[in-house]
Amino acid sequence: MAHSATASLGSASSLSSRRIQLAFAGLLGIFITGFVGFSHIEAVHNAAHDYRHSLAFPCH
């Protein structure tokens, strides 16, 4: 009986951990996209622009 309680706690912990990781990954992506997309630093913007073109992603 103690084994099943431990297993359910482990899966709940794992699900919580996945959600936190997903949230942080999303926030990091939004931060990077916002920083690069609206950056007034020309070198940062041009590097992102060249990278988008190397992936064949249309940007303009």
Protein backbone atom coordinates (compact mmCIF):
# COMPACT_ATOMS: atom_id res chain seq x y z
CA MET A 1 0.00 0.00 0.00
CA ALA A 2 2.84 2.41 0.76
CA HIS A 3 4.33 1.64 -2.64
CA SER A 4 1.28 2.96 -4.56
CA ALA A 5 1.23 6.17 -2.49
CA THR A 6 4.88 6.75 -3.31
CA ALA A 7 4.27 6.11 -7.01
CA SER A 8 1.38 8.58 -7.14
CA LEU A 9 3.46 11.25 -5.38
CA GLY A 10 6.27 10.68 -7.87
CA SER A 11 4.02 11.14 -10.89
CA ALA A 12 2.40 14.24 -9.37
CA SER A 13 5.84 15.66 -8.70
CA SER A 14 6.92 14.81 -12.23
CA LEU A 15 3.85 16.51 -13.74
CA SER A 16 4.45 19.61 -11.62
CA SER A 17 8.10 19.66 -12.64
CA ARG A 18 7.18 19.40 -16.32
CA ARG A 19 4.74 22.29 -16.03
CA ILE A 20 7.35 24.47 -14.34
CA GLN A 21 9.93 23.61 -16.99
CA LEU A 22 7.43 24.34 -19.76
CA ALA A 23 6.53 27.68 -18.19
CA PHE A 24 10.19 28.70 -17.85
CA ALA A 25 10.94 27.61 -21.42
CA GLY A 26 8.00 29.67 -22.67
CA LEU A 27 9.08 32.72 -20.68
CA LEU A 28 12.64 32.37 -21.94
CA GLY A 29 11.38 32.15 -25.53
CA ILE A 30 9.19 35.21 -25.11
CA PHE A 31 12.07 37.14 -23.52
CA ILE A 32 14.51 36.22 -26.28
CA THR A 33 12.00 36.94 -29.04
CA GLY A 34 11.04 40.27 -27.48
CA PHE A 35 14.64 41.30 -26.84
CA VAL A 36 15.87 40.39 -30.30
CA GLY A 37 12.77 41.50 -32.16
CA PHE A 38 12.67 44.94 -30.60
CA SER A 39 16.36 45.41 -29.99
CA HIS A 40 17.88 48.73 -30.97
CA ILE A 41 21.29 47.08 -31.00
CA GLU A 42 21.90 46.60 -34.71
CA ALA A 43 24.29 43.63 -34.33
CA VAL A 44 21.71 41.65 -32.29
CA HIS A 45 18.90 42.39 -34.72
CA ASN A 46 21.01 41.56 -37.79
CA ALA A 47 22.21 38.28 -36.27
CA ALA A 48 18.62 37.22 -35.64
CA HIS A 49 17.62 38.34 -39.12
CA ASP A 50 20.38 36.29 -40.74
CA TYR A 51 19.47 33.28 -38.61
CA ARG A 52 15.82 33.47 -39.70
CA HIS A 53 16.92 33.53 -43.33
CA SER A 54 19.24 30.54 -42.81
CA LEU A 55 16.19 28.56 -41.61
CA ALA A 56 14.17 29.71 -44.66
CA PHE A 57 11.76 31.49 -42.30
CA PRO A 58 10.15 34.47 -44.02
CA CYS A 59 10.55 37.64 -42.02
CA HIS A 60 9.63 40.35 -44.52
